[in-house]
Protein backbone atom coordinates (compact mmCIF):
# COMPACT_ATOMS: atom_id res chain seq x y z
CA UNK A 1 159.11 78.03 247.72
CA UNK A 2 159.37 75.61 250.62
CA UNK A 3 160.99 75.99 254.03
CA UNK A 4 161.26 79.75 253.74
CA UNK A 5 162.74 81.78 256.55
CA UNK A 6 161.60 85.20 257.71
CA UNK A 7 164.31 86.84 255.62
CA UNK A 8 162.97 85.10 252.49
CA UNK A 9 159.40 86.19 253.18
CA UNK A 10 160.63 89.74 253.73
CA UNK A 11 162.40 89.75 250.37
CA UNK A 12 159.34 88.31 248.66
CA UNK A 13 157.09 90.97 250.16
CA UNK A 14 159.35 93.80 249.04
CA UNK A 15 159.16 92.79 245.37
CA UNK A 16 155.79 90.99 245.24
CA UNK A 17 153.67 93.74 243.67
CA UNK A 18 155.06 93.51 240.10
CA UNK A 19 154.89 89.70 240.24
CA UNK A 20 151.22 89.62 241.37
CA UNK A 21 150.04 92.40 239.07
CA UNK A 22 147.73 90.97 236.41
CA UNK A 23 147.37 87.48 237.90
CA UNK A 24 143.79 88.07 239.08
CA UNK A 25 140.64 89.53 237.53
CA UNK A 26 140.53 93.34 237.68
CA UNK A 27 138.10 93.52 240.59
CA UNK A 28 140.37 91.32 242.72
CA UNK A 29 143.65 92.56 241.29
CA UNK A 30 143.11 95.99 242.85
CA UNK A 31 142.53 94.52 246.31
CA UNK A 32 145.51 92.18 246.11
CA UNK A 33 147.89 94.91 244.99
CA UNK A 34 146.58 97.26 247.65
CA UNK A 35 147.01 94.63 250.37
CA UNK A 36 150.57 93.89 249.25
CA UNK A 37 151.37 97.59 249.22
CA UNK A 38 149.94 98.16 252.70
CA UNK A 39 151.74 95.14 254.13
CA UNK A 40 155.04 96.30 252.60
CA UNK A 41 154.34 99.76 253.98
CA UNK A 42 153.60 98.29 257.42
CA UNK A 43 156.80 96.27 257.28
CA UNK A 44 158.83 99.38 256.46
CA UNK A 45 157.11 101.40 259.17
CA UNK A 46 157.62 98.62 261.73
CA UNK A 47 161.35 98.90 261.21
CA UNK A 48 161.02 102.66 261.47
CA UNK A 49 159.12 102.34 264.76
CA UNK A 50 155.95 103.38 263.01
CA UNK A 51 152.62 101.60 262.70
CA UNK A 52 149.15 101.99 261.26
CA UNK A 53 145.79 101.13 262.78
CA UNK A 54 144.27 97.78 261.73
CA UNK A 55 141.63 97.49 259.06
CA UNK A 56 143.22 96.45 255.78
CA UNK A 57 143.46 92.75 256.63
CA UNK A 58 139.88 92.61 257.90
CA UNK A 59 138.64 94.39 254.79
CA UNK A 60 140.59 92.02 252.57
CA UNK A 61 139.32 88.91 254.39
CA UNK A 62 135.68 90.04 254.15
CA UNK A 63 135.67 91.01 250.47
CA UNK A 64 137.85 88.24 249.11
CA UNK A 65 135.70 85.60 247.34
CA UNK A 66 135.84 81.91 248.11
CA UNK A 67 139.24 80.38 247.55
CA UNK A 68 140.15 76.71 247.39
CA UNK A 69 143.16 74.45 247.51
CA UNK A 70 145.48 74.08 244.57
CA UNK A 71 145.20 70.76 242.70
CA UNK A 72 148.53 69.59 244.04
CA UNK A 73 147.42 70.46 247.58
CA UNK A 74 144.24 68.44 247.11
CA UNK A 75 146.24 65.46 245.84
CA UNK A 76 148.70 65.71 248.72
CA UNK A 77 145.86 65.85 251.25
CA UNK A 78 144.29 62.77 249.69
CA UNK A 79 147.54 60.87 249.96
CA UNK A 80 147.89 61.85 253.61
CA UNK A 81 144.35 60.69 254.36
CA UNK A 82 145.00 57.41 252.56
CA UNK A 83 148.16 56.74 254.55
CA UNK A 84 146.42 57.62 257.82
CA UNK A 85 143.54 55.26 257.01
CA UNK A 86 145.90 52.42 256.13
CA UNK A 87 147.82 52.92 259.38
CA UNK A 88 144.57 52.93 261.36
CA UNK A 89 143.40 49.73 259.68
CA UNK A 90 146.71 48.00 260.37
CA UNK A 91 146.50 48.99 264.02
CA UNK A 92 142.96 47.60 264.22
CA UNK A 93 144.03 44.27 262.75
CA UNK A 94 146.87 44.02 265.26
CA UNK A 95 144.54 44.78 268.18
CA UNK A 96 142.03 42.00 267.41
CA UNK A 97 144.69 39.35 266.83
CA UNK A 98 145.10 38.53 270.56
CA UNK A 99 147.20 35.52 271.68
CA UNK A 100 145.41 32.24 272.59
CA UNK A 101 143.71 32.41 276.03
CA UNK A 102 144.86 30.25 278.95
CA UNK A 103 141.56 28.33 279.05
CA UNK A 104 139.86 27.16 275.91
CA UNK A 105 136.68 29.00 275.21
CA UNK A 106 133.55 27.01 274.57
CA UNK A 107 132.36 29.53 272.00
CA UNK A 108 134.87 30.16 269.21
CA UNK A 109 135.68 33.83 268.63
CA UNK A 110 134.22 35.55 265.64
CA UNK A 111 136.49 36.20 262.71
CA UNK A 112 138.21 39.56 263.03
CA UNK A 113 137.46 41.93 260.22
CA UNK A 114 139.28 45.21 259.61
CA UNK A 115 137.20 48.33 259.08
CA UNK A 116 136.83 49.32 255.44
CA UNK A 117 139.26 51.92 254.11
CA UNK A 118 137.69 55.30 253.46
CA UNK A 119 137.53 56.52 249.93
CA UNK A 120 140.17 59.00 248.86
CA UNK A 121 138.97 62.58 249.05
CA UNK A 122 138.97 64.30 245.68
CA UNK A 123 137.01 67.47 246.48
CA UNK A 124 138.90 70.73 246.83
CA UNK A 125 138.83 72.11 250.34
CA UNK A 126 137.93 75.74 250.90
CA UNK A 127 140.82 77.88 252.16
CA UNK A 128 140.15 81.11 254.01
CA UNK A 129 142.38 83.78 255.46
CA UNK A 130 142.51 83.01 259.17
CA UNK A 131 143.09 86.18 261.15
CA UNK A 132 142.81 84.36 264.48
CA UNK A 133 146.49 83.48 264.67
CA UNK A 134 149.23 84.84 266.85
CA UNK A 135 151.18 86.50 264.04
CA UNK A 136 148.15 88.67 263.21
CA UNK A 137 147.23 89.17 266.86
CA UNK A 138 150.75 90.39 267.71
CA UNK A 139 150.85 93.00 264.94
CA UNK A 140 149.16 95.51 267.21
CA UNK A 141 151.80 95.04 269.90
CA UNK A 142 154.79 96.01 267.77
CA UNK A 143 154.50 99.72 268.48
CA UNK A 144 154.55 99.18 272.26
CA UNK A 145 157.33 96.58 272.31
CA UNK A 146 159.73 98.51 270.07
CA UNK A 147 160.55 101.17 272.72
CA UNK A 148 161.15 98.34 275.21
CA UNK A 149 163.24 95.95 273.13
CA UNK A 150 164.23 97.95 270.04
CA UNK A 151 163.24 97.54 266.38
CA UNK A 152 162.52 94.09 265.04
CA UNK A 153 165.81 93.65 263.20
CA UNK A 154 167.85 93.86 266.43
CA UNK A 155 166.56 90.60 267.89
CA UNK A 156 165.98 88.95 264.53
CA UNK A 157 167.85 85.76 263.69
CA UNK A 158 168.12 86.84 260.06
CA UNK A 159 171.82 87.69 260.16
CA UNK A 160 172.93 84.44 261.74
CA UNK A 161 170.66 82.33 259.58
CA UNK A 162 171.85 84.04 256.43
CA UNK A 163 175.50 83.44 257.32
CA UNK A 164 174.93 79.75 258.02
CA UNK A 165 172.61 79.00 255.12
CA UNK A 166 175.34 78.27 252.58
CA UNK A 167 177.58 76.45 255.04
CA UNK A 168 174.76 74.17 256.14
CA UNK A 169 173.89 73.31 252.57
CA UNK A 170 177.52 72.52 251.76
CA UNK A 171 177.87 70.38 254.87
CA UNK A 172 175.23 68.03 253.51
CA UNK A 173 177.44 67.38 250.48
CA UNK A 174 180.42 66.22 252.53
CA UNK A 175 181.15 62.78 253.96
CA UNK A 176 180.88 64.26 257.49
CA UNK A 177 184.59 63.59 258.07
CA UNK A 178 187.07 66.48 257.73
CA UNK A 179 184.13 68.55 256.61
CA UNK A 180 185.86 71.92 257.04
CA UNK A 181 188.30 71.38 254.18
CA UNK A 182 185.59 69.91 251.96
CA UNK A 183 183.30 72.87 252.57
CA UNK A 184 186.17 75.23 251.75
CA UNK A 185 186.89 73.45 248.46
CA UNK A 186 183.26 73.46 247.41
CA UNK A 187 182.92 77.13 248.32
CA UNK A 188 185.90 78.02 246.12
CA UNK A 189 184.36 76.03 243.27
CA UNK A 190 181.15 78.01 243.63
CA UNK A 191 183.05 81.29 243.52
CA UNK A 192 185.01 80.23 240.44
CA UNK A 193 181.81 79.12 238.74
CA UNK A 194 180.22 82.52 239.43
CA UNK A 195 183.21 84.32 237.94
CA UNK A 196 183.15 82.04 234.89
CA UNK A 197 179.42 82.59 234.43
CA UNK A 198 179.91 86.35 234.40
CA UNK A 199 182.61 86.13 231.76
CA UNK A 200 180.07 86.33 228.99
CA UNK A 201 180.08 88.54 225.94
CA UNK A 202 180.49 92.13 227.01
CA UNK A 203 180.50 95.53 225.39
CA UNK A 204 183.83 96.94 224.37
CA UNK A 205 183.66 99.80 226.88
CA UNK A 206 183.06 97.46 229.85
CA UNK A 207 185.82 96.18 232.10
CA UNK A 208 185.71 92.39 232.21
CA UNK A 209 185.24 90.55 235.49
CA UNK A 210 188.69 89.02 235.38
CA UNK A 211 190.51 92.23 234.49
CA UNK A 212 192.34 94.00 237.28
CA UNK A 213 190.59 97.21 238.25
CA UNK A 214 192.10 98.30 241.57
CA UNK A 215 189.74 100.07 243.92
CA UNK A 216 190.65 100.17 247.57
CA UNK A 217 188.49 100.99 250.54
CA UNK A 218 186.20 103.97 249.99
CA UNK A 219 186.73 106.86 252.43
CA UNK A 220 183.49 107.60 254.29
CA UNK A 221 183.84 111.37 253.87
CA UNK A 222 183.67 111.44 250.05
CA UNK A 223 180.53 111.36 247.94
CA UNK A 224 181.72 108.79 245.43
CA UNK A 225 184.76 106.71 244.63
CA UNK A 226 185.92 105.09 241.41
CA UNK A 227 189.17 103.59 240.22
CA UNK A 228 191.77 105.85 238.63
CA UNK A 229 193.32 102.93 236.78
CA UNK A 230 194.03 103.42 233.08
CA UNK A 231 194.08 99.80 231.99
CA UNK A 232 191.03 100.18 229.74
CA UNK A 233 191.76 103.11 227.37
CA UNK A 234 189.16 103.89 224.72
CA UNK A 235 189.84 106.10 221.74
CA UNK A 236 186.87 108.39 221.24
CA UNK A 237 187.04 108.00 217.45
CA UNK A 238 187.51 104.27 216.98
CA UNK A 239 185.41 103.21 219.96
CA UNK A 240 182.45 105.57 219.66
CA UNK A 241 182.44 107.96 216.70
CA UNK A 242 182.68 105.32 213.97
CA UNK A 243 179.94 103.09 215.42
CA UNK A 244 177.16 105.11 213.82
CA UNK A 245 174.83 102.08 213.52
CA UNK A 246 174.32 101.98 217.29
CA UNK A 247 171.58 104.48 218.25
CA UNK A 248 173.05 104.71 221.76
CA UNK A 249 176.19 106.28 220.30
CA UNK A 250 174.42 108.85 218.15
CA UNK A 251 175.96 112.28 218.79
CA UNK A 252 178.21 110.72 221.43
CA UNK A 253 181.01 113.25 220.95
CA UNK A 254 178.85 116.43 220.82
CA UNK A 255 176.97 115.34 223.94
CA UNK A 256 180.23 114.60 225.70
CA UNK A 257 181.48 118.04 224.69
CA UNK A 258 178.40 119.72 226.12
CA UNK A 259 178.76 117.80 229.36
CA UNK A 260 182.45 118.57 229.80
CA UNK A 261 182.04 122.22 228.82
CA UNK A 262 179.10 122.70 231.18
CA UNK A 263 181.12 121.32 234.08
CA UNK A 264 184.24 123.31 233.22
CA UNK A 265 182.10 126.46 233.15
CA UNK A 266 180.38 125.37 236.42
CA UNK A 267 176.90 125.47 234.94
CA UNK A 268 173.97 124.17 236.99
CA UNK A 269 172.86 120.68 236.03
CA UNK A 270 169.80 120.68 233.77
CA UNK A 271 170.18 117.39 231.95
CA UNK A 272 172.95 118.76 229.72
CA UNK A 273 170.47 120.69 227.60
CA UNK A 274 173.03 123.42 226.94
CA UNK A 275 171.32 124.78 223.87
CA UNK A 276 173.39 127.95 223.96
CA UNK A 277 176.64 126.09 223.26
CA UNK A 278 177.76 126.69 219.68
CA UNK A 279 180.05 124.52 217.54
CA UNK A 280 182.78 127.07 218.20
CA UNK A 281 182.36 126.55 221.94
CA UNK A 282 182.59 122.78 221.53
CA UNK A 283 185.80 123.08 219.55
CA UNK A 284 187.53 124.50 222.61
CA UNK A 285 187.13 121.20 224.50
CA UNK A 286 190.07 118.81 224.45
CA UNK A 287 190.58 115.33 225.87
CA UNK A 288 194.17 114.41 226.53
CA UNK A 289 195.43 111.88 223.97
CA UNK A 290 191.86 111.50 222.68
CA UNK A 291 191.31 108.77 225.25
CA UNK A 292 188.80 108.13 227.98
CA UNK A 293 189.33 105.32 230.49
CA UNK A 294 186.64 102.84 231.52
CA UNK A 295 186.34 101.51 235.06
CA UNK A 296 184.21 98.71 236.41
CA UNK A 297 182.33 100.15 239.38
CA UNK A 298 181.28 103.35 241.08
CA UNK A 299 180.75 103.51 244.82
CA UNK A 300 178.40 106.17 246.15
CA UNK A 301 178.23 107.17 249.81
CA UNK A 302 174.98 108.67 251.06
CA UNK A 303 173.41 109.73 254.33
CA UNK A 304 170.51 107.55 255.40
CA UNK A 305 167.28 108.80 256.92
CA UNK A 306 168.62 108.07 260.43
CA UNK A 307 171.87 110.01 259.83
CA UNK A 308 174.02 106.96 259.19
CA UNK A 309 176.44 106.35 256.36
CA UNK A 310 175.23 104.07 253.56
CA UNK A 311 177.00 102.97 250.41
CA UNK A 312 175.89 101.58 247.04
CA UNK A 313 178.17 99.89 244.53
CA UNK A 314 177.05 100.55 240.96
CA UNK A 315 178.14 98.47 237.99
CA UNK A 316 177.01 98.98 234.36
CA UNK A 317 176.75 95.21 233.92
CA UNK A 318 174.85 94.30 237.08
CA UNK A 319 173.53 97.09 239.34
CA UNK A 320 172.95 99.69 236.67
CA UNK A 321 169.94 101.80 237.71
CA UNK A 322 170.57 105.04 239.61
CA UNK A 323 168.46 107.91 240.88
CA UNK A 324 169.28 111.61 241.05
CA UNK A 325 167.56 114.67 242.45
CA UNK A 326 165.26 116.14 239.84
CA UNK A 327 166.12 119.72 238.80
CA UNK A 328 162.44 120.29 237.97
CA UNK A 329 160.78 122.69 240.38
CA UNK A 330 157.22 123.00 239.05
CA UNK A 331 154.32 121.70 241.12
CA UNK A 332 153.55 118.01 240.73
CA UNK A 333 156.97 117.11 239.35
CA UNK A 334 158.39 113.77 240.42
CA UNK A 335 161.20 114.37 242.93
CA UNK A 336 163.71 112.08 241.20
CA UNK A 337 165.14 111.30 237.81
CA UNK A 338 166.18 107.77 236.90
CA UNK A 339 168.67 106.40 234.42
CA UNK A 340 170.48 103.24 233.44
CA UNK A 341 174.24 103.22 233.78
CA UNK A 342 175.96 102.31 230.50
CA UNK A 343 179.56 103.15 231.41
CA UNK A 344 181.83 104.67 234.05
CA UNK A 345 184.70 106.74 232.63
CA UNK A 346 187.37 109.21 233.61
CA UNK A 347 189.68 111.37 231.51
CA UNK A 348 191.92 114.42 231.61
CA UNK A 349 190.17 117.36 229.96
CA UNK A 350 191.11 120.95 229.23
CA UNK A 351 190.12 123.90 227.07
CA UNK A 352 191.99 125.67 224.30
CA UNK A 353 190.89 129.29 223.95
CA UNK A 354 192.35 132.42 222.46
CA UNK A 355 194.18 133.06 225.71
CA UNK A 356 195.83 129.63 225.62
CA UNK A 357 195.32 126.12 226.94
CA UNK A 358 194.21 125.43 230.48
CA UNK A 359 195.81 122.79 232.66
CA UNK A 360 194.39 119.26 232.24
CA UNK A 361 191.73 118.49 234.83
CA UNK A 362 190.80 114.92 235.85
CA UNK A 363 187.09 114.43 235.32
CA UNK A 364 184.80 111.49 236.03
CA UNK A 365 181.57 111.07 234.10
CA UNK A 366 178.84 108.48 233.59
CA UNK A 367 177.30 107.45 230.29
CA UNK A 368 173.58 106.92 230.91
CA UNK A 369 170.30 106.09 229.24
CA UNK A 370 167.60 108.32 230.64
CA UNK A 371 164.22 107.17 231.94
CA UNK A 372 161.00 109.09 232.45
CA UNK A 373 157.81 108.79 234.47
CA UNK A 374 155.08 106.77 232.72
CA UNK A 375 152.56 109.24 231.19
CA UNK A 376 149.01 108.95 232.51
CA UNK A 377 149.94 106.59 235.33
CA UNK A 378 149.08 107.79 238.82
CA UNK A 379 151.05 106.52 241.79
CA UNK A 380 151.39 107.46 245.42
CA UNK A 381 150.96 106.36 248.99
CA UNK A 382 147.25 107.21 249.07
CA UNK A 383 146.62 105.17 245.95
CA UNK A 384 148.84 102.34 247.21
CA UNK A 385 150.65 102.21 243.88
CA UNK A 386 154.36 102.10 243.16
CA UNK A 387 155.83 104.72 240.81
CA UNK A 388 156.34 103.51 237.26
CA UNK A 389 159.05 104.66 234.83
CA UNK A 390 160.28 103.72 231.37
CA UNK A 391 163.08 104.45 228.96
CA UNK A 392 162.95 107.66 226.95
CA UNK A 393 162.36 106.80 223.25
CA UNK A 394 165.38 107.05 220.98
CA UNK A 395 163.61 109.72 218.95
CA UNK A 396 164.20 112.10 221.86
CA UNK A 397 167.57 113.86 221.37
CA UNK A 398 168.30 113.47 225.08
CA UNK A 399 167.50 109.76 225.38
CA UNK A 400 171.22 109.20 226.03
CA UNK A 401 173.64 111.51 227.76
CA UNK A 402 176.24 111.99 230.45
CA UNK A 403 176.02 112.55 234.17
CA UNK A 404 178.30 113.89 236.85
CA UNK A 405 178.71 111.19 239.55
CA UNK A 406 178.33 113.96 242.12
CA UNK A 407 174.61 114.12 241.29
CA UNK A 408 173.94 110.44 241.97
CA UNK A 409 171.93 109.95 245.15
CA UNK A 410 172.17 106.16 245.24
CA UNK A 411 171.24 103.07 243.27
CA UNK A 412 167.59 102.43 242.50
CA UNK A 413 165.76 99.09 242.56
CA UNK A 414 163.62 98.91 239.42
CA UNK A 415 161.47 95.84 238.75
CA UNK A 416 160.11 95.16 235.24
CA UNK A 417 156.38 95.58 234.71
CA UNK A 418 155.75 92.04 233.49
CA UNK A 419 152.20 92.86 232.40
CA UNK A 420 153.47 95.51 229.99
CA UNK A 421 155.92 93.05 228.45
CA UNK A 422 158.88 93.84 226.23
CA UNK A 423 159.09 96.12 223.23
CA UNK A 424 161.55 97.36 220.65
CA UNK A 425 159.69 100.59 219.97
CA UNK A 426 161.80 102.53 222.46
CA UNK A 427 165.01 101.48 220.70
CA UNK A 428 164.22 100.23 217.22
CA UNK A 429 167.28 98.12 216.52
CA UNK A 430 167.76 94.36 216.50
CA UNK A 431 171.54 94.61 216.38
CA UNK A 432 173.86 94.68 219.34
CA UNK A 433 173.76 98.00 221.13
CA UNK A 434 175.47 99.44 224.17
CA UNK A 435 172.04 100.25 225.60
CA UNK A 436 171.18 96.59 226.18
CA UNK A 437 172.84 93.44 227.38
CA UNK A 438 174.60 91.70 224.46
CA UNK A 439 171.98 88.94 224.27
CA UNK A 440 168.90 91.22 224.45
CA UNK A 441 167.00 92.61 221.47
CA UNK A 442 164.11 94.27 223.33
CA UNK A 443 163.51 96.45 226.39
CA UNK A 444 160.95 96.16 229.14
CA UNK A 445 158.25 98.69 228.34
CA UNK A 446 158.07 100.03 231.91
CA UNK A 447 159.55 99.41 235.34
CA UNK A 448 158.15 99.67 238.85
CA UNK A 449 160.22 101.72 241.30
CA UNK A 450 160.57 99.58 244.41
CA UNK A 451 160.26 102.15 247.16
CA UNK A 452 160.31 99.34 249.74
CA UNK A 453 163.78 98.09 248.83
CA UNK A 454 165.06 99.24 252.22
CA UNK A 455 164.09 101.65 254.97
CA UNK A 456 166.16 104.52 253.61
CA UNK A 457 164.57 104.18 250.17
CA UNK A 458 161.11 104.15 251.72
CA UNK A 459 161.78 107.37 253.63
CA UNK A 460 162.99 109.10 250.46
CA UNK A 461 159.45 108.78 249.11
CA UNK A 462 157.48 108.93 252.33
CA UNK A 463 159.43 111.96 253.61
CA UNK A 464 160.49 112.95 257.08
CA UNK A 465 163.92 111.33 257.26
CA UNK A 466 166.13 113.71 259.22
CA UNK A 467 169.12 112.54 257.20
CA UNK A 468 167.47 113.67 253.95
CA UNK A 469 167.94 117.38 254.39
CA UNK A 470 167.09 118.19 250.78
CA UNK A 471 163.76 116.37 250.72
CA UNK A 472 160.65 117.75 252.39
CA UNK A 473 157.99 115.65 254.12
CA UNK A 474 155.95 113.52 251.73
CA UNK A 475 157.59 115.19 248.76
CA UNK A 476 157.72 111.90 246.95
CA UNK A 477 153.95 111.45 247.08
CA UNK A 478 152.29 111.89 243.70
CA UNK A 479 148.74 112.01 245.06
CA UNK A 480 146.67 115.14 244.59
CA UNK A 481 144.08 116.34 247.07
CA UNK A 482 141.56 117.14 244.35
CA UNK A 483 141.50 113.68 242.81
CA UNK A 484 138.21 112.05 241.97
CA UNK A 485 137.33 109.85 244.95
CA UNK A 486 136.01 107.19 242.58
CA UNK A 487 139.47 106.79 241.12
CA UNK A 488 140.99 105.93 244.47
CA UNK A 489 140.23 102.83 246.49
CA UNK A 490 138.50 103.47 249.79
CA UNK A 491 141.00 103.81 252.60
CA UNK A 492 140.39 101.59 255.63
CA UNK A 493 143.10 102.65 257.97
CA UNK A 494 144.25 105.87 259.58
CA UNK A 495 147.64 106.62 258.12
CA UNK A 496 150.75 108.04 259.61
CA UNK A 497 152.54 107.24 262.80
CA UNK A 498 155.19 108.65 265.01
CA UNK A 499 158.75 108.20 263.83
CA UNK A 500 161.69 108.25 266.15
CA UNK A 501 165.36 107.97 265.51
CA UNK A 502 166.36 104.50 264.46
CA UNK A 503 169.23 102.98 266.40
CA UNK A 504 170.32 100.37 263.94
CA UNK A 505 173.95 99.38 264.28
CA UNK A 506 175.30 99.31 260.78
CA UNK A 507 178.71 100.04 259.48
CA UNK A 508 179.39 101.52 256.08
CA UNK A 509 180.10 98.96 253.48
CA UNK A 510 183.80 98.76 252.92
CA UNK A 511 185.99 96.90 250.55
CA UNK A 512 188.76 94.91 252.18
CA UNK A 513 190.66 94.31 248.99
CA UNK A 514 194.19 95.60 249.06
CA UNK A 515 195.03 98.63 247.01
CA UNK A 516 197.15 98.07 243.94
CA UNK A 517 199.59 100.26 242.15
CA UNK A 518 198.19 101.94 239.09
CA UNK A 519 199.73 101.56 235.69
CA UNK A 520 203.00 103.30 235.04
CA UNK A 521 201.31 105.72 232.68
CA UNK A 522 199.28 106.94 235.69
CA UNK A 523 197.79 110.36 235.92
CA UNK A 524 199.60 112.64 233.51
CA UNK A 525 197.57 115.70 234.39
CA UNK A 526 200.73 117.50 235.48
CA UNK A 527 202.70 116.80 232.33
CA UNK A 528 203.59 119.50 229.89
CA UNK A 529 201.22 119.55 226.93
CA UNK A 530 202.55 118.40 223.60
CA UNK A 531 201.22 118.80 220.10
CA UNK A 532 199.28 115.53 220.27
CA UNK A 533 197.26 116.91 223.16
CA UNK A 534 196.33 120.09 221.32
CA UNK A 535 195.46 118.50 218.00
CA UNK A 536 193.81 115.17 217.34
CA UNK A 537 195.95 112.41 215.96
CA UNK A 538 193.68 111.13 213.23
CA UNK A 539 191.07 112.29 210.73
CA UNK A 540 192.39 115.61 209.51
CA UNK A 541 188.94 116.58 208.29
CA UNK A 542 187.36 115.98 211.72
CA UNK A 543 187.48 118.50 214.52
CA UNK A 544 186.45 117.62 218.06
CA UNK A 545 183.69 120.15 218.26
CA UNK A 546 182.19 119.93 214.81
CA UNK A 547 178.48 119.36 214.38
C-alpha cells in the first residue's frame, strides 16, 4: 500500500465499503461506512459534473474519537528521530574540532563535549484528520472548473501512468543495455505464466483457456455477440442428465425445455416460470443431434448514460455476474435481477408437432444461478448503503435456470460481504458442483452490489442518465419517504446537483484478434432433418420432455 497513484486510490475508494465494514465498533462503523459512501458518491458525481455541498467531512472530523499512530508508524518515527539526533551530534563534534590557531593561546581550550543524545520516543502520537489542506480546499472548486477545463478524467495522468507502470517495473529488471528486447521477453513470460495459471481444473462444460474459440470483433450495432464455433459439443444426456448428484443440474432438461419453448412461442420473460407448460408441450421440443455447444465468452453492448457505446465481456470462469431488468412491477421492487453465469451455450432447436417439424433455429442461451435481494436489509442513497444480494437457496425450484442473452444489461460488480462469511446452507453439497469453482466448497452468504464501479453503473441506480431510456429518475433508490428517522443517519449535506452531458472520449471496446474459420461441421440449420434429429439416439425409455 505504498507509493499509490491517483488511479490506485480511486480503485480503492470504489470497493472500500465491504472491506471496512465490521472493522470498527458499531458506533464508529456507521460513520466510517457513511463517509466512504459519500466520498465514492462525490467521486462519481465529480466525473458526472455534479457536486454536493460540504458538510460530511466536517461532521466526520468532529465526531471521530481520538486516533493515534500505528505501532509500526511509532517505531519508524522513533528511528527517524534517532538518526536525526545522531547526525546533529556528529555535526556538533565536527564544529568544535577547529584547527590549531596561528598564535598559541595562553589559556588552553576546554574539552569539547557533544550534546547528549535524546531518548527515543516511544509514545504514540495523536493523528487527526487535517481538513486544512489543498486537496480538501479545492473540492469546492471542481464544479466551477469542470465547465472551463472539462471533467477530471480528461486532464488526468491516469492513462499514461497506467500504460507505463508495467514497462517501468520491467525496465528495473534489465541490465540497462538493449533493454527493449529484454522487456519484450519478460512481458511474454508474464503472459505465458498468466495463461498457465488459468489452466486449472475446470468444469466439463467450460471452454479451456488454451482451446481455440474464435470470436472476431463485435459489431457495435448488435446487443450481444458470442462465438458460433462448435468445438465444444456437449451431449445433453451424458453431460447433464446423468449427473444427478450435482444440485445445479437438477431438472436441467425440463428447465431447458421450458426456456426454449417459451422463446419459440415468444412469451414474455418472467424468469421461466412457465407453469402452464405440460409434459406434452415439453415433448415437442427438439435439439438437433442432442447436442448443445459451449463457448467461452459473451460480449454485451450497451448504451451508457451519456449516449455512448459500452461493452462488457462476460466469462463463466472469471467475470460471471450479470444484471438484467427486473420484470417485477410492484411498488418497492428492486429494479434489477442478478445472477451468476455458469455457462454460455448455443444450439439448433426446433419443434415437432402434429403438423410436422419446424425448421431448426439457432438459439443462444445462458445457464445461470439466480440471486435475490437480501431480506430485511435496507439500502439506498439516503441511507448511504450499497444494495446487498445473495444466492437463492437450492430448495427453491428456480435457484438455477436459463436466460436469453438479449435480456442481459451488462456485467455487475459484486463484492463479497466479508462480515457475513461463507456458508454451505445455500447449496448443501461438499462435492464438486457446476455452481462453484472446482476448489470451492462454500458460497459467500451475501454480496454487496458495487454501484460505484463506473459512472454508467452509478447512473443506473441514481437515475437520470439520458442513455438509460428504460430507467426513470432515482428508480434504483430503495429508500422510502415514510421511514423512521431514527433508523437513518442524520444527513449533513444538501443532495443532488446539476448533471450535464458528459463529453468523455471513449471508443467501444473491440477485439483485434483475427477471425477464424469455424469447424467444418458448421451451422447445419439448413440441412434436411434426418431420423436422428427427430428421435433421440440413446435411452429408449427416456423422452426429451418427460417429467
